Amino acid sequence: MNQTDHATTAEPAPASRPPIPPVLYLPAEPGASESGARVEMRQLQDGRTALLAYTALDRLARCCGPHQPWVLYRTEMLDTLRLMNPFDVVVFDQPLPEEAWHRAGETG
């Protein structure tokens, strides 16, 4: 092997897929404190568990409603989150139906 066999090069993300930011906004369960926030997971129709992740706070509010609690999470820590709260897939900027939105004053 030569030295170029071990070289890694960052390839740009395809134009159809924007790059993932260094932090994500994750929906949290209502009523949790900032230090004890529990990230919400969603069950997909095929049985997989999804972590919903939003690339901007305005997208989370638009997709999950104005009363959705959230936590800011470093993208590089998603593997650690997966060990604590297993999930099968990460879904980015996914709108939820309004009937799934949290309402003002919910405490969990």
N, C-alpha and C. Protein backbone atom coordinates (compact mmCIF):
# COMPACT_ATOMS: atom_id res chain seq x y z
N MET A 1 0.84 -1.19 0.00
CA MET A 1 0.00 0.00 0.00
C MET A 1 0.87 1.23 0.00
N ASN A 2 0.41 2.24 -0.67
CA ASN A 2 1.14 3.49 -0.61
C ASN A 2 0.40 4.47 0.29
N GLN A 3 0.97 5.64 0.50
CA GLN A 3 0.40 6.60 1.44
C GLN A 3 -0.98 7.08 1.01
N THR A 4 -1.25 7.12 -0.25
CA THR A 4 -2.55 7.61 -0.68
C THR A 4 -3.67 6.63 -0.36
N ASP A 5 -3.32 5.34 -0.11
CA ASP A 5 -4.35 4.37 0.26
C ASP A 5 -4.99 4.71 1.60
N HIS A 6 -4.28 5.39 2.48
CA HIS A 6 -4.79 5.73 3.80
C HIS A 6 -5.35 7.14 3.88
N ALA A 7 -5.19 7.90 2.83
CA ALA A 7 -5.66 9.28 2.86
C ALA A 7 -7.19 9.31 2.82
N THR A 8 -7.75 10.20 3.58
CA THR A 8 -9.19 10.39 3.51
C THR A 8 -9.47 11.78 2.97
N THR A 9 -10.44 11.85 2.11
CA THR A 9 -10.82 13.13 1.56
C THR A 9 -12.28 13.36 1.84
N ALA A 10 -12.60 14.56 2.20
CA ALA A 10 -14.00 14.91 2.44
C ALA A 10 -14.65 15.17 1.10
N GLU A 11 -15.70 14.40 0.83
CA GLU A 11 -16.43 14.61 -0.40
C GLU A 11 -17.59 15.54 -0.12
N PRO A 12 -17.85 16.47 -1.01
CA PRO A 12 -18.97 17.37 -0.77
C PRO A 12 -20.29 16.58 -0.80
N ALA A 13 -21.24 17.06 -0.02
CA ALA A 13 -22.56 16.43 -0.01
C ALA A 13 -23.20 16.61 -1.37
N PRO A 14 -23.96 15.62 -1.83
CA PRO A 14 -24.66 15.79 -3.11
C PRO A 14 -25.54 17.03 -3.07
N ALA A 15 -25.70 17.65 -4.22
CA ALA A 15 -26.48 18.88 -4.29
C ALA A 15 -27.92 18.68 -3.80
N SER A 16 -28.43 17.46 -3.92
CA SER A 16 -29.81 17.21 -3.51
C SER A 16 -29.94 17.05 -2.00
N ARG A 17 -28.83 16.91 -1.29
CA ARG A 17 -28.87 16.73 0.16
C ARG A 17 -27.98 17.76 0.83
N PRO A 18 -28.59 18.68 1.60
CA PRO A 18 -27.77 19.70 2.27
C PRO A 18 -26.91 19.07 3.36
N PRO A 19 -25.82 19.71 3.71
CA PRO A 19 -24.96 19.17 4.77
C PRO A 19 -25.68 19.20 6.12
N ILE A 20 -25.31 18.30 7.00
CA ILE A 20 -25.88 18.24 8.34
C ILE A 20 -25.13 19.23 9.21
N PRO A 21 -25.85 20.10 9.94
CA PRO A 21 -25.18 21.10 10.77
C PRO A 21 -24.54 20.47 12.01
N PRO A 22 -23.68 21.21 12.69
CA PRO A 22 -22.98 20.67 13.88
C PRO A 22 -23.89 20.48 15.09
N VAL A 23 -25.04 21.14 15.10
CA VAL A 23 -26.02 20.95 16.18
C VAL A 23 -27.40 20.74 15.56
N LEU A 24 -28.24 20.00 16.29
CA LEU A 24 -29.60 19.72 15.84
C LEU A 24 -30.58 20.03 16.96
N TYR A 25 -31.78 20.40 16.61
CA TYR A 25 -32.86 20.61 17.57
C TYR A 25 -33.68 19.33 17.60
N LEU A 26 -33.76 18.71 18.77
CA LEU A 26 -34.47 17.45 18.93
C LEU A 26 -35.72 17.67 19.77
N PRO A 27 -36.88 17.17 19.33
CA PRO A 27 -38.08 17.28 20.14
C PRO A 27 -37.88 16.55 21.47
N ALA A 28 -38.35 17.18 22.55
CA ALA A 28 -38.24 16.60 23.88
C ALA A 28 -39.64 16.38 24.45
N GLU A 29 -39.72 15.51 25.44
CA GLU A 29 -41.00 15.26 26.09
C GLU A 29 -41.36 16.47 26.95
N PRO A 30 -42.65 16.80 27.02
CA PRO A 30 -43.07 17.94 27.84
C PRO A 30 -42.79 17.70 29.32
N GLY A 31 -42.55 18.79 30.03
CA GLY A 31 -42.40 18.72 31.49
C GLY A 31 -41.02 18.39 32.00
N ALA A 32 -40.09 18.11 31.15
CA ALA A 32 -38.73 17.79 31.61
C ALA A 32 -37.94 19.08 31.78
N SER A 33 -37.02 19.07 32.74
CA SER A 33 -36.14 20.23 32.92
C SER A 33 -35.04 20.16 31.86
N GLU A 34 -34.32 21.25 31.70
CA GLU A 34 -33.24 21.28 30.71
C GLU A 34 -32.21 20.19 30.98
N SER A 35 -31.89 19.98 32.25
CA SER A 35 -30.86 18.99 32.58
C SER A 35 -31.40 17.56 32.50
N GLY A 36 -32.72 17.41 32.56
CA GLY A 36 -33.30 16.08 32.54
C GLY A 36 -34.22 15.86 31.36
N ALA A 37 -34.00 16.57 30.27
CA ALA A 37 -34.86 16.43 29.10
C ALA A 37 -34.74 15.04 28.50
N ARG A 38 -35.88 14.50 28.12
CA ARG A 38 -35.91 13.20 27.42
C ARG A 38 -36.31 13.46 25.98
N VAL A 39 -35.49 12.98 25.07
CA VAL A 39 -35.74 13.16 23.65
C VAL A 39 -36.90 12.27 23.24
N GLU A 40 -37.82 12.81 22.47
CA GLU A 40 -38.96 12.04 21.96
C GLU A 40 -38.52 11.20 20.76
N MET A 41 -39.00 10.00 20.73
CA MET A 41 -38.81 9.12 19.58
C MET A 41 -40.19 8.87 18.97
N ARG A 42 -40.23 8.54 17.71
CA ARG A 42 -41.50 8.24 17.02
C ARG A 42 -41.41 6.86 16.40
N GLN A 43 -42.51 6.16 16.45
CA GLN A 43 -42.60 4.83 15.84
C GLN A 43 -43.08 5.00 14.40
N LEU A 44 -42.33 4.46 13.46
CA LEU A 44 -42.72 4.52 12.06
C LEU A 44 -43.69 3.39 11.75
N GLN A 45 -44.40 3.50 10.64
CA GLN A 45 -45.39 2.48 10.27
C GLN A 45 -44.75 1.12 10.06
N ASP A 46 -43.48 1.08 9.68
CA ASP A 46 -42.82 -0.21 9.46
C ASP A 46 -42.21 -0.79 10.74
N GLY A 47 -42.47 -0.12 11.88
CA GLY A 47 -42.00 -0.63 13.16
C GLY A 47 -40.68 -0.08 13.64
N ARG A 48 -39.95 0.62 12.79
CA ARG A 48 -38.68 1.20 13.21
C ARG A 48 -38.92 2.39 14.13
N THR A 49 -37.93 2.65 14.98
CA THR A 49 -37.97 3.81 15.87
C THR A 49 -37.17 4.93 15.22
N ALA A 50 -37.79 6.11 15.12
CA ALA A 50 -37.16 7.25 14.47
C ALA A 50 -36.84 8.33 15.48
N LEU A 51 -35.66 8.90 15.33
CA LEU A 51 -35.28 10.12 16.03
C LEU A 51 -35.57 11.26 15.06
N LEU A 52 -36.46 12.18 15.46
CA LEU A 52 -36.71 13.35 14.63
C LEU A 52 -35.67 14.39 14.97
N ALA A 53 -35.09 15.00 13.96
CA ALA A 53 -34.05 16.01 14.15
C ALA A 53 -34.34 17.17 13.21
N TYR A 54 -34.18 18.37 13.74
CA TYR A 54 -34.47 19.57 12.97
C TYR A 54 -33.21 20.43 12.87
N THR A 55 -32.97 20.93 11.66
CA THR A 55 -31.73 21.64 11.39
C THR A 55 -31.80 23.11 11.78
N ALA A 56 -32.96 23.59 12.19
CA ALA A 56 -33.12 24.97 12.65
C ALA A 56 -34.34 25.03 13.57
N LEU A 57 -34.31 25.94 14.52
CA LEU A 57 -35.40 26.05 15.49
C LEU A 57 -36.72 26.43 14.82
N ASP A 58 -36.66 27.31 13.81
CA ASP A 58 -37.91 27.68 13.13
C ASP A 58 -38.51 26.49 12.40
N ARG A 59 -37.69 25.58 11.90
CA ARG A 59 -38.21 24.37 11.25
C ARG A 59 -38.88 23.45 12.26
N LEU A 60 -38.28 23.31 13.44
CA LEU A 60 -38.90 22.49 14.47
C LEU A 60 -40.27 23.06 14.83
N ALA A 61 -40.37 24.37 15.04
CA ALA A 61 -41.65 24.99 15.39
C ALA A 61 -42.67 24.84 14.27
N ARG A 62 -42.23 25.02 13.03
CA ARG A 62 -43.13 24.90 11.89
C ARG A 62 -43.61 23.45 11.71
N CYS A 63 -42.74 22.49 11.98
CA CYS A 63 -43.06 21.07 11.74
C CYS A 63 -43.73 20.38 12.91
N CYS A 64 -43.48 20.87 14.15
CA CYS A 64 -43.98 20.20 15.36
C CYS A 64 -44.92 21.07 16.19
N GLY A 65 -45.09 22.31 15.79
CA GLY A 65 -45.98 23.21 16.50
C GLY A 65 -45.24 24.12 17.47
N PRO A 66 -45.87 25.22 17.86
CA PRO A 66 -45.20 26.23 18.68
C PRO A 66 -44.98 25.83 20.14
N HIS A 67 -45.60 24.76 20.59
CA HIS A 67 -45.47 24.35 22.00
C HIS A 67 -44.56 23.12 22.17
N GLN A 68 -43.84 22.77 21.12
CA GLN A 68 -42.97 21.59 21.19
C GLN A 68 -41.73 21.89 22.02
N PRO A 69 -41.54 21.20 23.15
CA PRO A 69 -40.27 21.34 23.87
C PRO A 69 -39.13 20.77 23.01
N TRP A 70 -37.94 21.26 23.23
CA TRP A 70 -36.80 20.79 22.44
C TRP A 70 -35.51 20.87 23.24
N VAL A 71 -34.52 20.16 22.75
CA VAL A 71 -33.16 20.25 23.28
C VAL A 71 -32.22 20.45 22.10
N LEU A 72 -31.17 21.19 22.35
CA LEU A 72 -30.12 21.38 21.35
C LEU A 72 -29.08 20.29 21.57
N TYR A 73 -28.73 19.58 20.50
CA TYR A 73 -27.86 18.42 20.64
C TYR A 73 -26.76 18.48 19.60
N ARG A 74 -25.55 18.20 20.01
CA ARG A 74 -24.42 18.19 19.07
C ARG A 74 -24.51 16.95 18.18
N THR A 75 -24.43 17.17 16.90
CA THR A 75 -24.55 16.09 15.92
C THR A 75 -23.55 14.98 16.19
N GLU A 76 -22.34 15.34 16.59
CA GLU A 76 -21.31 14.33 16.83
C GLU A 76 -21.65 13.41 18.01
N MET A 77 -22.64 13.79 18.83
CA MET A 77 -23.02 12.99 20.00
C MET A 77 -24.22 12.07 19.74
N LEU A 78 -24.69 11.99 18.51
CA LEU A 78 -25.86 11.15 18.22
C LEU A 78 -25.60 9.68 18.52
N ASP A 79 -24.38 9.21 18.33
CA ASP A 79 -24.07 7.80 18.66
C ASP A 79 -24.23 7.55 20.15
N THR A 80 -23.84 8.51 20.97
CA THR A 80 -24.01 8.38 22.42
C THR A 80 -25.49 8.37 22.77
N LEU A 81 -26.26 9.24 22.15
CA LEU A 81 -27.71 9.26 22.37
C LEU A 81 -28.32 7.91 21.99
N ARG A 82 -27.87 7.34 20.88
CA ARG A 82 -28.40 6.05 20.43
C ARG A 82 -28.13 4.94 21.45
N LEU A 83 -27.00 5.00 22.15
CA LEU A 83 -26.71 4.00 23.19
C LEU A 83 -27.67 4.13 24.36
N MET A 84 -28.04 5.37 24.72
CA MET A 84 -28.94 5.61 25.85
C MET A 84 -30.40 5.42 25.47
N ASN A 85 -30.76 5.82 24.26
CA ASN A 85 -32.13 5.75 23.75
C ASN A 85 -32.09 5.20 22.33
N PRO A 86 -32.13 3.89 22.19
CA PRO A 86 -31.95 3.29 20.85
C PRO A 86 -32.97 3.79 19.82
N PHE A 87 -32.48 4.04 18.64
CA PHE A 87 -33.34 4.40 17.50
C PHE A 87 -32.73 3.77 16.26
N ASP A 88 -33.57 3.58 15.25
CA ASP A 88 -33.15 2.91 14.02
C ASP A 88 -32.77 3.87 12.90
N VAL A 89 -33.39 5.03 12.91
CA VAL A 89 -33.20 5.96 11.80
C VAL A 89 -33.35 7.39 12.32
N VAL A 90 -32.62 8.32 11.69
CA VAL A 90 -32.77 9.74 11.97
C VAL A 90 -33.54 10.35 10.80
N VAL A 91 -34.59 11.09 11.12
CA VAL A 91 -35.41 11.74 10.10
C VAL A 91 -35.26 13.25 10.28
N PHE A 92 -34.85 13.94 9.23
CA PHE A 92 -34.58 15.37 9.31
C PHE A 92 -35.77 16.20 8.82
N ASP A 93 -36.09 17.25 9.62
CA ASP A 93 -37.04 18.29 9.23
C ASP A 93 -38.38 17.74 8.74
N GLN A 94 -38.87 16.71 9.42
CA GLN A 94 -40.12 16.05 9.05
C GLN A 94 -41.32 16.73 9.70
N PRO A 95 -42.27 17.22 8.91
CA PRO A 95 -43.48 17.78 9.50
C PRO A 95 -44.33 16.69 10.14
N LEU A 96 -44.92 17.00 11.30
CA LEU A 96 -45.85 16.09 11.97
C LEU A 96 -47.26 16.57 11.70
N PRO A 97 -48.21 15.65 11.66
CA PRO A 97 -49.60 16.10 11.54
C PRO A 97 -49.99 16.90 12.78
N GLU A 98 -50.82 17.90 12.61
CA GLU A 98 -51.17 18.79 13.73
C GLU A 98 -51.75 18.03 14.92
N GLU A 99 -52.42 16.92 14.69
CA GLU A 99 -52.97 16.16 15.82
C GLU A 99 -51.86 15.54 16.69
N ALA A 100 -50.63 15.50 16.19
CA ALA A 100 -49.50 14.97 16.97
C ALA A 100 -48.75 16.08 17.71
N TRP A 101 -49.12 17.34 17.49
CA TRP A 101 -48.44 18.46 18.13
C TRP A 101 -48.79 18.51 19.62
N HIS A 102 -47.87 19.01 20.42
CA HIS A 102 -48.13 19.25 21.84
C HIS A 102 -48.95 20.53 21.97
N ARG A 103 -49.72 20.59 23.03
CA ARG A 103 -50.56 21.77 23.31
C ARG A 103 -49.96 22.55 24.48
N ALA A 104 -50.31 23.80 24.57
CA ALA A 104 -49.82 24.66 25.66
C ALA A 104 -50.21 24.04 27.01
N GLY A 105 -49.27 24.06 27.96
CA GLY A 105 -49.54 23.58 29.31
C GLY A 105 -49.38 22.09 29.52
N GLU A 106 -49.04 21.33 28.48
CA GLU A 106 -48.81 19.89 28.68
C GLU A 106 -47.62 19.68 29.57
N THR A 107 -47.72 18.68 30.45
CA THR A 107 -46.60 18.38 31.34
C THR A 107 -46.12 16.95 31.19
N GLY A 108 -46.57 16.27 30.21
CA GLY A 108 -46.08 14.92 29.97
C GLY A 108 -47.10 13.95 30.35
